[in-house]
Amino acid sequence: MNLNCMPKPTKSARKCGMNQLPAIEEGGKARSSVETVSLFEQKRVYGWWPVITEEGDERMLSVSG
């Protein structure tokens, strides 16, 4: 996990989703089209991040319950 370039969290769980995460290109590099924050500059960040599972090349939201 890159703490210098973390996806910005949402303020509510309802707005949390896959659109917060950068898309991964075929070469394995992440395309940076989302807002990011640095934990070394912010010190504190409050909010929600999505939890995902990866099966092969496919990403899915992980739901526990």
N, C-alpha and C. Protein backbone atom coordinates (compact mmCIF):
# COMPACT_ATOMS: atom_id res chain seq x y z
N MET A 1 0.85 -1.17 0.00
CA MET A 1 0.00 0.00 0.00
C MET A 1 0.89 1.23 0.00
N ASN A 2 0.67 2.08 -0.95
CA ASN A 2 1.46 3.30 -1.08
C ASN A 2 0.81 4.40 -0.25
N LEU A 3 1.42 4.75 0.88
CA LEU A 3 0.85 5.75 1.78
C LEU A 3 1.06 7.18 1.29
N ASN A 4 1.91 7.37 0.29
CA ASN A 4 2.10 8.69 -0.32
C ASN A 4 0.99 9.04 -1.29
N CYS A 5 0.29 8.04 -1.77
CA CYS A 5 -0.68 8.25 -2.84
C CYS A 5 -1.91 7.36 -2.63
N MET A 6 -2.60 7.57 -1.50
CA MET A 6 -3.79 6.77 -1.19
C MET A 6 -5.03 7.41 -1.81
N PRO A 7 -5.99 6.59 -2.25
CA PRO A 7 -7.24 7.16 -2.75
C PRO A 7 -7.94 7.95 -1.65
N LYS A 8 -8.53 9.07 -2.01
CA LYS A 8 -9.24 9.91 -1.05
C LYS A 8 -10.50 9.18 -0.58
N PRO A 9 -10.76 9.16 0.73
CA PRO A 9 -11.96 8.46 1.22
C PRO A 9 -13.23 9.27 0.99
N THR A 10 -14.37 8.57 1.01
CA THR A 10 -15.66 9.26 0.94
C THR A 10 -16.14 9.55 2.36
N LYS A 11 -17.06 10.49 2.48
CA LYS A 11 -17.56 10.87 3.80
C LYS A 11 -18.66 9.95 4.30
N SER A 12 -19.29 9.18 3.42
CA SER A 12 -20.33 8.26 3.86
C SER A 12 -20.13 6.90 3.19
N ALA A 13 -20.63 5.86 3.84
CA ALA A 13 -20.50 4.50 3.32
C ALA A 13 -21.30 4.31 2.03
N ARG A 14 -22.38 5.04 1.87
CA ARG A 14 -23.22 4.91 0.66
C ARG A 14 -22.50 5.37 -0.60
N LYS A 15 -21.59 6.33 -0.48
CA LYS A 15 -20.86 6.84 -1.63
C LYS A 15 -19.60 6.03 -1.94
N CYS A 16 -19.26 5.10 -1.07
CA CYS A 16 -18.06 4.29 -1.21
C CYS A 16 -18.24 3.29 -2.35
N GLY A 17 -17.25 3.18 -3.25
CA GLY A 17 -17.38 2.25 -4.37
C GLY A 17 -16.09 2.11 -5.15
N MET A 18 -16.18 1.34 -6.23
CA MET A 18 -15.02 1.05 -7.06
C MET A 18 -14.49 2.30 -7.77
N ASN A 19 -15.32 3.33 -7.90
CA ASN A 19 -14.87 4.55 -8.58
C ASN A 19 -13.80 5.30 -7.79
N GLN A 20 -13.57 4.94 -6.53
CA GLN A 20 -12.53 5.56 -5.72
C GLN A 20 -11.15 5.01 -6.05
N LEU A 21 -11.09 3.84 -6.65
CA LEU A 21 -9.82 3.17 -6.89
C LEU A 21 -9.31 3.43 -8.30
N PRO A 22 -7.99 3.53 -8.46
CA PRO A 22 -7.45 3.72 -9.81
C PRO A 22 -7.63 2.46 -10.65
N ALA A 23 -7.89 2.63 -11.93
CA ALA A 23 -8.03 1.50 -12.84
C ALA A 23 -6.65 0.94 -13.12
N ILE A 24 -6.57 -0.39 -13.26
CA ILE A 24 -5.29 -1.04 -13.54
C ILE A 24 -5.23 -1.38 -15.01
N GLU A 25 -4.16 -0.96 -15.65
CA GLU A 25 -3.97 -1.23 -17.08
C GLU A 25 -3.38 -2.63 -17.26
N GLU A 26 -3.28 -3.09 -18.49
CA GLU A 26 -2.81 -4.43 -18.78
C GLU A 26 -1.39 -4.68 -18.30
N GLY A 27 -0.54 -3.68 -18.30
CA GLY A 27 0.85 -3.84 -17.86
C GLY A 27 1.00 -3.95 -16.35
N GLY A 28 -0.10 -3.80 -15.61
CA GLY A 28 -0.06 -3.86 -14.16
C GLY A 28 0.10 -2.52 -13.49
N LYS A 29 0.25 -1.46 -14.28
CA LYS A 29 0.38 -0.12 -13.71
C LYS A 29 -0.99 0.47 -13.42
N ALA A 30 -1.06 1.25 -12.35
CA ALA A 30 -2.32 1.89 -11.99
C ALA A 30 -2.43 3.22 -12.72
N ARG A 31 -3.56 3.44 -13.33
CA ARG A 31 -3.83 4.71 -14.00
C ARG A 31 -4.39 5.67 -12.96
N SER A 32 -3.77 6.80 -12.80
CA SER A 32 -4.13 7.73 -11.74
C SER A 32 -5.17 8.74 -12.23
N SER A 33 -6.44 8.39 -12.11
CA SER A 33 -7.50 9.31 -12.50
C SER A 33 -8.41 9.62 -11.31
N VAL A 34 -7.96 9.28 -10.10
CA VAL A 34 -8.75 9.54 -8.90
C VAL A 34 -7.99 10.51 -8.00
N GLU A 35 -8.71 11.18 -7.12
CA GLU A 35 -8.08 12.07 -6.16
C GLU A 35 -7.32 11.25 -5.13
N THR A 36 -6.14 11.71 -4.75
CA THR A 36 -5.34 10.99 -3.77
C THR A 36 -4.92 11.91 -2.63
N VAL A 37 -4.55 11.30 -1.51
CA VAL A 37 -4.02 12.03 -0.36
C VAL A 37 -2.75 11.33 0.10
N SER A 38 -1.88 12.08 0.75
CA SER A 38 -0.66 11.52 1.33
C SER A 38 -0.81 11.50 2.84
N LEU A 39 -0.67 10.33 3.44
CA LEU A 39 -0.79 10.24 4.90
C LEU A 39 0.38 10.91 5.61
N PHE A 40 1.49 11.14 4.90
CA PHE A 40 2.62 11.82 5.52
C PHE A 40 2.41 13.33 5.55
N GLU A 41 1.56 13.84 4.70
CA GLU A 41 1.25 15.27 4.70
C GLU A 41 0.01 15.57 5.53
N GLN A 42 -1.02 14.73 5.46
CA GLN A 42 -2.30 14.95 6.14
C GLN A 42 -2.26 14.58 7.61
N LYS A 43 -1.54 13.54 7.97
CA LYS A 43 -1.47 12.96 9.32
C LYS A 43 -2.74 12.22 9.71
N ARG A 44 -3.93 12.78 9.45
CA ARG A 44 -5.21 12.12 9.77
C ARG A 44 -6.13 12.19 8.56
N VAL A 45 -6.78 11.09 8.31
CA VAL A 45 -7.75 11.04 7.22
C VAL A 45 -8.95 10.25 7.72
N TYR A 46 -10.15 10.81 7.61
CA TYR A 46 -11.36 10.15 8.05
C TYR A 46 -12.21 9.82 6.85
N GLY A 47 -12.86 8.68 6.88
CA GLY A 47 -13.77 8.34 5.79
C GLY A 47 -13.84 6.86 5.52
N TRP A 48 -14.37 6.53 4.35
CA TRP A 48 -14.61 5.16 3.94
C TRP A 48 -13.85 4.83 2.67
N TRP A 49 -13.26 3.63 2.65
CA TRP A 49 -12.60 3.09 1.47
C TRP A 49 -13.25 1.76 1.12
N PRO A 50 -13.32 1.41 -0.16
CA PRO A 50 -13.89 0.11 -0.53
C PRO A 50 -12.92 -1.03 -0.22
N VAL A 51 -13.46 -2.18 0.11
CA VAL A 51 -12.68 -3.39 0.29
C VAL A 51 -12.95 -4.26 -0.93
N ILE A 52 -11.88 -4.66 -1.62
CA ILE A 52 -12.07 -5.41 -2.86
C ILE A 52 -11.38 -6.77 -2.77
N THR A 53 -11.84 -7.68 -3.63
CA THR A 53 -11.16 -8.95 -3.83
C THR A 53 -10.77 -9.01 -5.30
N GLU A 54 -9.67 -9.68 -5.57
CA GLU A 54 -9.20 -9.83 -6.94
C GLU A 54 -9.17 -11.31 -7.30
N GLU A 55 -9.85 -11.66 -8.36
CA GLU A 55 -9.82 -13.02 -8.88
C GLU A 55 -9.31 -12.94 -10.31
N GLY A 56 -8.05 -13.31 -10.48
CA GLY A 56 -7.43 -13.16 -11.79
C GLY A 56 -7.23 -11.69 -12.08
N ASP A 57 -7.78 -11.22 -13.19
CA ASP A 57 -7.68 -9.81 -13.56
C ASP A 57 -8.93 -9.03 -13.16
N GLU A 58 -9.88 -9.67 -12.53
CA GLU A 58 -11.16 -9.03 -12.21
C GLU A 58 -11.19 -8.57 -10.75
N ARG A 59 -11.66 -7.34 -10.55
CA ARG A 59 -11.84 -6.77 -9.21
C ARG A 59 -13.32 -6.76 -8.87
N MET A 60 -13.64 -7.11 -7.61
CA MET A 60 -15.03 -7.08 -7.15
C MET A 60 -15.06 -6.50 -5.74
N LEU A 61 -16.17 -5.82 -5.42
CA LEU A 61 -16.35 -5.34 -4.05
C LEU A 61 -16.57 -6.53 -3.15
N SER A 62 -15.91 -6.52 -2.00
CA SER A 62 -16.06 -7.58 -1.03
C SER A 62 -17.16 -7.18 -0.05
N VAL A 63 -18.11 -8.04 0.15
CA VAL A 63 -19.23 -7.76 1.05
C VAL A 63 -19.20 -8.80 2.16
N SER A 64 -19.13 -8.33 3.40
CA SER A 64 -19.18 -9.25 4.53
C SER A 64 -20.47 -8.99 5.29
N GLY A 65 -20.96 -9.99 5.89
CA GLY A 65 -22.20 -9.78 6.60
C GLY A 65 -22.62 -10.88 7.39
